[in-house]
Amino acid sequence: MQRNLLITGANKGLGFGLIKQLCKENPLNLHIILTARSKQRGEEALQELHNQNPSATLQFQQLLIGNQESHENLVKKLQQQKMLIDVLVNNAGIFTWGKDKSEKQRVLQTNYRGTTDFTKLIFPQLTDDAKIIFYSSQIGRISKQNNATKELYSQDNLSESQIDQHVNEFIEGKFENDINAFAKATLNTWVKNVGLKMLKPNQNMFLICPGWCKTDLGGQKAPKSVEQGVSYPFELINDFPFERSERNGQLYSYGRKAPN
């Protein structure tokens, strides 16, 4: 039986590296759907992978995380193909050194709202034992955030509207926090309070921190290679049988459970 994997933001970096590894070693016979914002860069990445692995089953679909129309177009294509997704890898994300309101909106639109909106929209197209993997980071640990965020995000059973209200307060400048860390903390909190409630008995949501890797974002001084950075998600994807895992809803870094 062939299973289907869809990965966002996969034309370079860790996303591309993960697909490259899966093409080399694919015990589950995965059909891989590579998505990227840029049609040209996505198709170039697909061609490179095909050249290296002629027998791999791959396709490219354009996807702009944070753009509702783009989300809907991709889900519609999956429905037309009658294709269900066994593994969803939410890898797409952006980073900023900025601090102003526009940068807060830009980062949160992709790293939190776009990611969770796309996950909710594609959810009916997931198999009953699907794995949903979110690329996160230890910078999103609750203990590392401002006091207002620590107080709220430490609570259980938060609603999506409560989380969104807190996000809006951050954007409006009611409290200070590093934008990138806040976005990851918010994504982690959404998964634990909202996402897990969506799951069927054999489905899972995994949060992973790949560490500091040698990518365009990480730079060449990073201690880990891309191959090292994708080793844990590669393991998660190929862990068989697909069933509820003790790692469901937990943040793991370097393959180990990370503290809150």
C-alpha atoms as a PDB file:
ATOM      1  CA  MET A   1       0.000   0.000   0.000  1.00  0.00           C
ATOM      2  CA  GLN A   2       1.335   3.399  -0.949  1.00  0.00           C
ATOM      3  CA  ARG A   3       1.034   6.169   1.597  1.00  0.00           C
ATOM      4  CA  ASN A   4       1.052   9.898   0.841  1.00  0.00           C
ATOM      5  CA  LEU A   5       3.176  12.560   2.522  1.00  0.00           C
ATOM      6  CA  LEU A   6       2.704  16.307   2.062  1.00  0.00           C
ATOM      7  CA  ILE A   7       5.337  18.752   3.265  1.00  0.00           C
ATOM      8  CA  THR A   8       5.136  22.545   3.285  1.00  0.00           C
ATOM      9  CA  GLY A   9       8.011  24.909   2.501  1.00  0.00           C
ATOM     10  CA  ALA A  10      10.079  22.132   0.982  1.00  0.00           C
ATOM     11  CA  ASN A  11      12.077  23.670  -1.870  1.00  0.00           C
ATOM     12  CA  LYS A  12      15.178  24.139   0.323  1.00  0.00           C
ATOM     13  CA  GLY A  13      16.594  23.726   3.813  1.00  0.00           C
ATOM     14  CA  LEU A  14      15.222  21.144   6.215  1.00  0.00           C
ATOM     15  CA  GLY A  15      12.121  20.476   4.146  1.00  0.00           C
ATOM     16  CA  PHE A  16      14.143  19.671   1.048  1.00  0.00           C
ATOM     17  CA  GLY A  17      16.626  17.712   3.143  1.00  0.00           C
ATOM     18  CA  LEU A  18      13.856  15.551   4.591  1.00  0.00           C
ATOM     19  CA  ILE A  19      12.477  14.711   1.156  1.00  0.00           C
ATOM     20  CA  LYS A  20      15.990  13.962  -0.087  1.00  0.00           C
ATOM     21  CA  GLN A  21      16.457  11.469   2.752  1.00  0.00           C
ATOM     22  CA  LEU A  22      13.038   9.910   2.130  1.00  0.00           C
ATOM     23  CA  CYS A  23      13.890   9.460  -1.544  1.00  0.00           C
ATOM     24  CA  LYS A  24      17.063   7.594  -0.601  1.00  0.00           C
ATOM     25  CA  GLU A  25      15.373   5.419   2.011  1.00  0.00           C
ATOM     26  CA  ASN A  26      11.623   4.974   1.682  1.00  0.00           C
ATOM     27  CA  PRO A  27      10.465   1.829   3.518  1.00  0.00           C
ATOM     28  CA  LEU A  28       6.819   2.950   3.495  1.00  0.00           C
ATOM     29  CA  ASN A  29       6.771   3.529  -0.272  1.00  0.00           C
ATOM     30  CA  LEU A  30       5.676   7.117   0.282  1.00  0.00           C
ATOM     31  CA  HIS A  31       4.323   9.261  -2.524  1.00  0.00           C
ATOM     32  CA  ILE A  32       5.690  12.706  -1.675  1.00  0.00           C
ATOM     33  CA  ILE A  33       3.958  16.006  -2.373  1.00  0.00           C
ATOM     34  CA  LEU A  34       6.485  18.821  -2.221  1.00  0.00           C
ATOM     35  CA  THR A  35       4.967  22.275  -1.719  1.00  0.00           C
ATOM     36  CA  ALA A  36       6.531  25.718  -1.855  1.00  0.00           C
ATOM     37  CA  ARG A  37       5.475  29.349  -2.198  1.00  0.00           C
ATOM     38  CA  SER A  38       7.373  29.832  -5.458  1.00  0.00           C
ATOM     39  CA  LYS A  39       6.248  27.733  -8.412  1.00  0.00           C
ATOM     40  CA  GLN A  40       9.628  28.109 -10.117  1.00  0.00           C
ATOM     41  CA  ARG A  41      11.722  27.173  -7.081  1.00  0.00           C
ATOM     42  CA  GLY A  42       9.402  24.316  -6.218  1.00  0.00           C
ATOM     43  CA  GLU A  43       9.591  22.843  -9.702  1.00  0.00           C
ATOM     44  CA  GLU A  44      13.386  23.244  -9.738  1.00  0.00           C
ATOM     45  CA  ALA A  45      13.606  21.389  -6.415  1.00  0.00           C
ATOM     46  CA  LEU A  46      11.355  18.641  -7.771  1.00  0.00           C
ATOM     47  CA  GLN A  47      13.517  18.259 -10.872  1.00  0.00           C
ATOM     48  CA  GLU A  48      16.685  18.026  -8.780  1.00  0.00           C
ATOM     49  CA  LEU A  49      15.127  15.295  -6.649  1.00  0.00           C
ATOM     50  CA  HIS A  50      13.936  13.406  -9.730  1.00  0.00           C
ATOM     51  CA  ASN A  51      17.408  13.614 -11.258  1.00  0.00           C
ATOM     52  CA  GLN A  52      18.953  12.153  -8.107  1.00  0.00           C
ATOM     53  CA  ASN A  53      16.211   9.564  -7.545  1.00  0.00           C
ATOM     54  CA  PRO A  54      14.503   8.615 -10.843  1.00  0.00           C
ATOM     55  CA  SER A  55      12.336   5.947  -9.197  1.00  0.00           C
ATOM     56  CA  ALA A  56      10.917   8.244  -6.485  1.00  0.00           C
ATOM     57  CA  THR A  57       7.227   9.124  -6.737  1.00  0.00           C
ATOM     58  CA  LEU A  58       7.033  12.888  -6.323  1.00  0.00           C
ATOM     59  CA  GLN A  59       4.818  15.766  -7.297  1.00  0.00           C
ATOM     60  CA  PHE A  60       4.893  19.525  -6.752  1.00  0.00           C
ATOM     61  CA  GLN A  61       1.997  21.723  -5.671  1.00  0.00           C
ATOM     62  CA  GLN A  62       2.233  25.437  -5.041  1.00  0.00           C
ATOM     63  CA  LEU A  63       1.176  26.462  -1.536  1.00  0.00           C
ATOM     64  CA  LEU A  64       1.443  29.830   0.172  1.00  0.00           C
ATOM     65  CA  ILE A  65       0.994  29.194   3.879  1.00  0.00           C
ATOM     66  CA  GLY A  66      -1.041  32.053   5.314  1.00  0.00           C
ATOM     67  CA  ASN A  67      -3.003  32.603   2.087  1.00  0.00           C
ATOM     68  CA  GLN A  68      -6.502  31.158   2.421  1.00  0.00           C
ATOM     69  CA  GLU A  69      -7.128  30.953  -1.328  1.00  0.00           C
ATOM     70  CA  SER A  70      -3.908  28.995  -1.807  1.00  0.00           C
ATOM     71  CA  HIS A  71      -4.869  26.650   1.043  1.00  0.00           C
ATOM     72  CA  GLU A  72      -8.272  26.018  -0.522  1.00  0.00           C
ATOM     73  CA  ASN A  73      -6.860  25.464  -4.009  1.00  0.00           C
ATOM     74  CA  LEU A  74      -4.498  22.748  -2.802  1.00  0.00           C
ATOM     75  CA  VAL A  75      -7.121  20.948  -0.737  1.00  0.00           C
ATOM     76  CA  LYS A  76      -9.478  21.068  -3.724  1.00  0.00           C
ATOM     77  CA  LYS A  77      -6.800  19.424  -5.911  1.00  0.00           C
ATOM     78  CA  LEU A  78      -6.362  16.652  -3.353  1.00  0.00           C
ATOM     79  CA  GLN A  79     -10.115  16.103  -3.307  1.00  0.00           C
ATOM     80  CA  GLN A  80     -10.228  15.958  -7.108  1.00  0.00           C
ATOM     81  CA  GLN A  81      -7.435  13.366  -7.080  1.00  0.00           C
ATOM     82  CA  LYS A  82      -9.274  11.472  -4.311  1.00  0.00           C
ATOM     83  CA  MET A  83      -5.997  11.576  -2.408  1.00  0.00           C
ATOM     84  CA  LEU A  84      -5.789  11.172   1.354  1.00  0.00           C
ATOM     85  CA  ILE A  85      -2.702  12.281   3.271  1.00  0.00           C
ATOM     86  CA  ASP A  86      -1.012   9.887   5.700  1.00  0.00           C
ATOM     87  CA  VAL A  87       1.730  12.275   6.848  1.00  0.00           C
ATOM     88  CA  LEU A  88       1.479  16.073   6.956  1.00  0.00           C
ATOM     89  CA  VAL A  89       4.738  17.881   7.694  1.00  0.00           C
ATOM     90  CA  ASN A  90       4.215  21.540   8.610  1.00  0.00           C
ATOM     91  CA  ASN A  91       7.712  22.783   7.856  1.00  0.00           C
ATOM     92  CA  ALA A  92       7.083  26.194   6.241  1.00  0.00           C
ATOM     93  CA  GLY A  93       8.098  29.137   8.382  1.00  0.00           C
ATOM     94  CA  ILE A  94       9.821  32.497   8.349  1.00  0.00           C
ATOM     95  CA  PHE A  95      12.199  34.321  10.688  1.00  0.00           C
ATOM     96  CA  THR A  96      12.624  37.993  11.477  1.00  0.00           C
ATOM     97  CA  TRP A  97      15.093  40.253  13.231  1.00  0.00           C
ATOM     98  CA  GLY A  98      12.423  42.972  13.243  1.00  0.00           C
ATOM     99  CA  LYS A  99      10.296  44.104  16.138  1.00  0.00           C
ATOM    100  CA  ASP A 100       7.549  46.311  14.699  1.00  0.00           C
ATOM    101  CA  LYS A 101       3.852  45.557  14.274  1.00  0.00           C
ATOM    102  CA  SER A 102       4.100  44.633  10.600  1.00  0.00           C
ATOM    103  CA  GLU A 103       6.787  42.042  11.342  1.00  0.00           C
ATOM    104  CA  LYS A 104       4.702  40.566  14.154  1.00  0.00           C
ATOM    105  CA  GLN A 105       1.776  40.222  11.758  1.00  0.00           C
ATOM    106  CA  ARG A 106       3.929  38.752   8.988  1.00  0.00           C
ATOM    107  CA  VAL A 107       5.590  36.101  11.148  1.00  0.00           C
ATOM    108  CA  LEU A 108       2.450  35.083  13.017  1.00  0.00           C
ATOM    109  CA  GLN A 109       0.436  34.896   9.801  1.00  0.00           C
ATOM    110  CA  THR A 110       2.781  32.189   8.519  1.00  0.00           C
ATOM    111  CA  ASN A 111       4.214  30.489  11.592  1.00  0.00           C
ATOM    112  CA  TYR A 112       1.001  30.323  13.611  1.00  0.00           C
ATOM    113  CA  ARG A 113      -2.239  31.322  11.886  1.00  0.00           C
ATOM    114  CA  GLY A 114      -1.383  30.070   8.421  1.00  0.00           C
ATOM    115  CA  THR A 115      -0.010  26.788   9.719  1.00  0.00           C
ATOM    116  CA  THR A 116      -2.972  26.043  11.968  1.00  0.00           C
ATOM    117  CA  ASP A 117      -5.545  27.250   9.418  1.00  0.00           C
ATOM    118  CA  PHE A 118      -4.075  24.966   6.759  1.00  0.00           C
ATOM    119  CA  THR A 119      -3.988  22.051   9.194  1.00  0.00           C
ATOM    120  CA  LYS A 120      -7.667  22.528  10.016  1.00  0.00           C
ATOM    121  CA  LEU A 121      -8.637  22.857   6.360  1.00  0.00           C
ATOM    122  CA  ILE A 122      -6.759  19.766   5.187  1.00  0.00           C
ATOM    123  CA  PHE A 123      -7.788  17.688   8.209  1.00  0.00           C
ATOM    124  CA  PRO A 124     -10.741  15.936   6.463  1.00  0.00           C
ATOM    125  CA  GLN A 125      -8.243  14.764   3.817  1.00  0.00           C
ATOM    126  CA  LEU A 126      -6.098  12.987   6.400  1.00  0.00           C
ATOM    127  CA  THR A 127      -6.235   9.243   6.969  1.00  0.00           C
ATOM    128  CA  ASP A 128      -7.598   7.826  10.221  1.00  0.00           C
ATOM    129  CA  ASP A 129      -4.053   7.045  11.394  1.00  0.00           C
ATOM    130  CA  ALA A 130      -2.365  10.169  10.024  1.00  0.00           C
ATOM    131  CA  LYS A 131       0.740  11.760  11.501  1.00  0.00           C
ATOM    132  CA  ILE A 132       0.889  15.557  11.662  1.00  0.00           C
ATOM    133  CA  ILE A 133       4.369  16.930  12.291  1.00  0.00           C
ATOM    134  CA  PHE A 134       4.984  20.550  13.252  1.00  0.00           C
ATOM    135  CA  TYR A 135       8.474  22.014  13.030  1.00  0.00           C
ATOM    136  CA  SER A 136       8.815  24.043  16.223  1.00  0.00           C
ATOM    137  CA  SER A 137      11.710  25.130  18.424  1.00  0.00           C
ATOM    138  CA  GLN A 138      12.902  25.164  22.002  1.00  0.00           C
ATOM    139  CA  ILE A 139      12.799  28.969  21.825  1.00  0.00           C
ATOM    140  CA  GLY A 140       9.039  28.442  22.104  1.00  0.00           C
ATOM    141  CA  ARG A 141       9.262  26.912  25.572  1.00  0.00           C
ATOM    142  CA  ILE A 142       6.723  28.604  27.835  1.00  0.00           C
ATOM    143  CA  SER A 143       9.324  29.213  30.534  1.00  0.00           C
ATOM    144  CA  LYS A 144      11.257  31.451  28.131  1.00  0.00           C
ATOM    145  CA  GLN A 145       8.362  33.828  27.335  1.00  0.00           C
ATOM    146  CA  ASN A 146       7.143  37.040  28.971  1.00  0.00           C
ATOM    147  CA  ASN A 147       5.088  36.845  32.171  1.00  0.00           C
ATOM    148  CA  ALA A 148       1.691  37.391  30.518  1.00  0.00           C
ATOM    149  CA  THR A 149       2.340  34.615  28.020  1.00  0.00           C
ATOM    150  CA  LYS A 150       3.745  32.259  30.654  1.00  0.00           C
ATOM    151  CA  GLU A 151       0.656  32.769  32.797  1.00  0.00           C
ATOM    152  CA  LEU A 152      -1.826  32.139  29.978  1.00  0.00           C
ATOM    153  CA  TYR A 153      -0.032  29.400  28.070  1.00  0.00           C
ATOM    154  CA  SER A 154       0.599  27.409  31.264  1.00  0.00           C
ATOM    155  CA  GLN A 155      -3.148  26.907  31.636  1.00  0.00           C
ATOM    156  CA  ASP A 156      -4.982  23.831  30.409  1.00  0.00           C
ATOM    157  CA  ASN A 157      -7.988  23.707  28.077  1.00  0.00           C
ATOM    158  CA  LEU A 158      -7.423  27.065  26.414  1.00  0.00           C
ATOM    159  CA  SER A 159      -9.758  27.812  23.525  1.00  0.00           C
ATOM    160  CA  GLU A 160      -8.560  28.956  20.128  1.00  0.00           C
ATOM    161  CA  SER A 161     -10.256  32.309  20.700  1.00  0.00           C
ATOM    162  CA  GLN A 162      -8.303  32.810  23.943  1.00  0.00           C
ATOM    163  CA  ILE A 163      -5.040  32.083  22.142  1.00  0.00           C
ATOM    164  CA  ASP A 164      -5.971  34.363  19.245  1.00  0.00           C
ATOM    165  CA  GLN A 165      -6.893  37.182  21.622  1.00  0.00           C
ATOM    166  CA  HIS A 166      -3.473  36.903  23.251  1.00  0.00           C
ATOM    167  CA  VAL A 167      -1.831  36.984  19.812  1.00  0.00           C
ATOM    168  CA  ASN A 168      -3.739  40.157  18.947  1.00  0.00           C
ATOM    169  CA  GLU A 169      -2.645  41.765  22.213  1.00  0.00           C
ATOM    170  CA  PHE A 170       0.974  40.952  21.366  1.00  0.00           C
ATOM    171  CA  ILE A 171       0.615  42.441  17.891  1.00  0.00           C
ATOM    172  CA  GLU A 172      -0.868  45.610  19.396  1.00  0.00           C
ATOM    173  CA  GLY A 173       2.132  45.946  21.716  1.00  0.00           C
ATOM    174  CA  LYS A 174       0.467  45.244  25.056  1.00  0.00           C
ATOM    175  CA  PHE A 175       3.518  43.227  26.106  1.00  0.00           C
ATOM    176  CA  GLU A 176       7.003  42.556  24.758  1.00  0.00           C
ATOM    177  CA  ASN A 177       8.471  39.278  23.546  1.00  0.00           C
ATOM    178  CA  ASP A 178      10.778  38.044  20.826  1.00  0.00           C
ATOM    179  CA  ILE A 179       8.534  37.574  17.784  1.00  0.00           C
ATOM    180  CA  ASN A 180       9.979  34.249  16.647  1.00  0.00           C
ATOM    181  CA  ALA A 181       9.857  32.732  20.127  1.00  0.00           C
ATOM    182  CA  PHE A 182       6.299  33.966  20.679  1.00  0.00           C
ATOM    183  CA  ALA A 183       5.131  32.439  17.399  1.00  0.00           C
ATOM    184  CA  LYS A 184       6.587  29.030  18.298  1.00  0.00           C
ATOM    185  CA  ALA A 185       5.198  29.187  21.851  1.00  0.00           C
ATOM    186  CA  THR A 186       1.788  30.000  20.399  1.00  0.00           C
ATOM    187  CA  LEU A 187       1.951  27.144  17.892  1.00  0.00           C
ATOM    188  CA  ASN A 188       2.944  24.700  20.643  1.00  0.00           C
ATOM    189  CA  THR A 189       0.087  25.937  22.820  1.00  0.00           C
ATOM    190  CA  TRP A 190      -2.423  25.612  19.982  1.00  0.00           C
ATOM    191  CA  VAL A 191      -1.356  22.020  19.334  1.00  0.00           C
ATOM    192  CA  LYS A 192      -1.689  21.028  22.997  1.00  0.00           C
ATOM    193  CA  ASN A 193      -5.011  22.803  23.620  1.00  0.00           C
ATOM    194  CA  VAL A 194      -6.809  22.791  20.267  1.00  0.00           C
ATOM    195  CA  GLY A 195      -5.079  20.460  17.844  1.00  0.00           C
ATOM    196  CA  LEU A 196      -5.060  17.356  20.024  1.00  0.00           C
ATOM    197  CA  LYS A 197      -8.838  17.578  20.450  1.00  0.00           C
ATOM    198  CA  MET A 198      -9.253  17.229  16.678  1.00  0.00           C
ATOM    199  CA  LEU A 199      -7.522  13.860  16.525  1.00  0.00           C
ATOM    200  CA  LYS A 200      -9.047  10.466  15.908  1.00  0.00           C
ATOM    201  CA  PRO A 201      -7.827   7.616  18.173  1.00  0.00           C
ATOM    202  CA  ASN A 202      -4.902   6.547  15.950  1.00  0.00           C
ATOM    203  CA  GLN A 203      -3.854  10.001  14.749  1.00  0.00           C
ATOM    204  CA  ASN A 204      -0.929  11.954  16.203  1.00  0.00           C
ATOM    205  CA  MET A 205       0.436  15.481  16.333  1.00  0.00           C
ATOM    206  CA  PHE A 206       4.171  15.778  16.909  1.00  0.00           C
ATOM    207  CA  LEU A 207       6.154  18.914  17.765  1.00  0.00           C
ATOM    208  CA  ILE A 208       9.828  18.776  16.852  1.00  0.00           C
ATOM    209  CA  CYS A 209      12.823  21.046  17.305  1.00  0.00           C
ATOM    210  CA  PRO A 210      15.497  20.089  14.745  1.00  0.00           C
ATOM    211  CA  GLY A 211      18.150  22.185  16.457  1.00  0.00           C
ATOM    212  CA  TRP A 212      20.526  24.690  14.891  1.00  0.00           C
ATOM    213  CA  CYS A 213      21.311  23.397  11.420  1.00  0.00           C
ATOM    214  CA  LYS A 214      23.388  24.513   8.453  1.00  0.00           C
ATOM    215  CA  THR A 215      20.658  26.057   6.274  1.00  0.00           C
ATOM    216  CA  ASP A 216      20.203  29.471   4.654  1.00  0.00           C
ATOM    217  CA  LEU A 217      18.615  30.579   7.920  1.00  0.00           C
ATOM    218  CA  GLY A 218      20.964  28.796  10.311  1.00  0.00           C
ATOM    219  CA  GLY A 219      24.154  29.734   8.497  1.00  0.00           C
ATOM    220  CA  GLN A 220      27.318  27.703   8.086  1.00  0.00           C
ATOM    221  CA  LYS A 221      28.406  28.137  11.721  1.00  0.00           C
ATOM    222  CA  ALA A 222      25.537  25.943  12.900  1.00  0.00           C
ATOM    223  CA  PRO A 223      26.754  22.754  14.627  1.00  0.00           C
ATOM    224  CA  LYS A 224      24.315  20.361  12.933  1.00  0.00           C
ATOM    225  CA  SER A 225      24.056  19.321   9.310  1.00  0.00           C
ATOM    226  CA  VAL A 226      20.735  19.177   7.500  1.00  0.00           C
ATOM    227  CA  GLU A 227      21.041  15.373   7.548  1.00  0.00           C
ATOM    228  CA  GLN A 228      21.269  15.440  11.348  1.00  0.00           C
ATOM    229  CA  GLY A 229      18.364  17.891  11.551  1.00  0.00           C
ATOM    230  CA  VAL A 230      16.009  15.646   9.606  1.00  0.00           C
ATOM    231  CA  SER A 231      16.957  12.382  11.329  1.00  0.00           C
ATOM    232  CA  TYR A 232      14.256  12.596  14.022  1.00  0.00           C
ATOM    233  CA  PRO A 233      11.327  13.530  11.747  1.00  0.00           C
ATOM    234  CA  PHE A 234      12.532  10.790   9.378  1.00  0.00           C
ATOM    235  CA  GLU A 235      12.276   8.334  12.275  1.00  0.00           C
ATOM    236  CA  LEU A 236       8.798   9.587  13.230  1.00  0.00           C
ATOM    237  CA  ILE A 237       7.524   9.284   9.685  1.00  0.00           C
ATOM    238  CA  ASN A 238       8.757   5.717   9.281  1.00  0.00           C
ATOM    239  CA  ASP A 239       7.746   4.467  12.734  1.00  0.00           C
ATOM    240  CA  PHE A 240       5.311   1.638  12.004  1.00  0.00           C
ATOM    241  CA  PRO A 241       2.540   0.733  12.631  1.00  0.00           C
ATOM    242  CA  PHE A 242       0.765   4.075  12.528  1.00  0.00           C
ATOM    243  CA  GLU A 243      -0.993   4.281  15.900  1.00  0.00           C
ATOM    244  CA  ARG A 244      -1.321   6.581  18.911  1.00  0.00           C
ATOM    245  CA  SER A 245       2.138   7.385  20.258  1.00  0.00           C
ATOM    246  CA  GLU A 246       3.304   8.378  23.729  1.00  0.00           C
ATOM    247  CA  ARG A 247       5.031  11.282  21.965  1.00  0.00           C
ATOM    248  CA  ASN A 248       1.696  12.678  20.783  1.00  0.00           C
ATOM    249  CA  GLY A 249       1.440  16.404  21.578  1.00  0.00           C
ATOM    250  CA  GLN A 250       4.930  16.611  23.069  1.00  0.00           C
ATOM    251  CA  LEU A 251       7.852  18.786  21.959  1.00  0.00           C
ATOM    252  CA  TYR A 252      10.949  16.731  21.201  1.00  0.00           C
ATOM    253  CA  SER A 253      14.406  18.125  20.548  1.00  0.00           C
ATOM    254  CA  TYR A 254      17.310  15.980  19.350  1.00  0.00           C
ATOM    255  CA  GLY A 255      14.937  13.026  19.740  1.00  0.00           C
ATOM    256  CA  ARG A 256      14.363  13.727  23.447  1.00  0.00           C
ATOM    257  CA  LYS A 257      11.367  15.232  25.203  1.00  0.00           C
ATOM    258  CA  ALA A 258      11.963  18.938  25.804  1.00  0.00           C
ATOM    259  CA  PRO A 259      10.909  20.730  29.013  1.00  0.00           C
ATOM    260  CA  ASN A 260       8.136  23.322  28.973  1.00  0.00           C
END
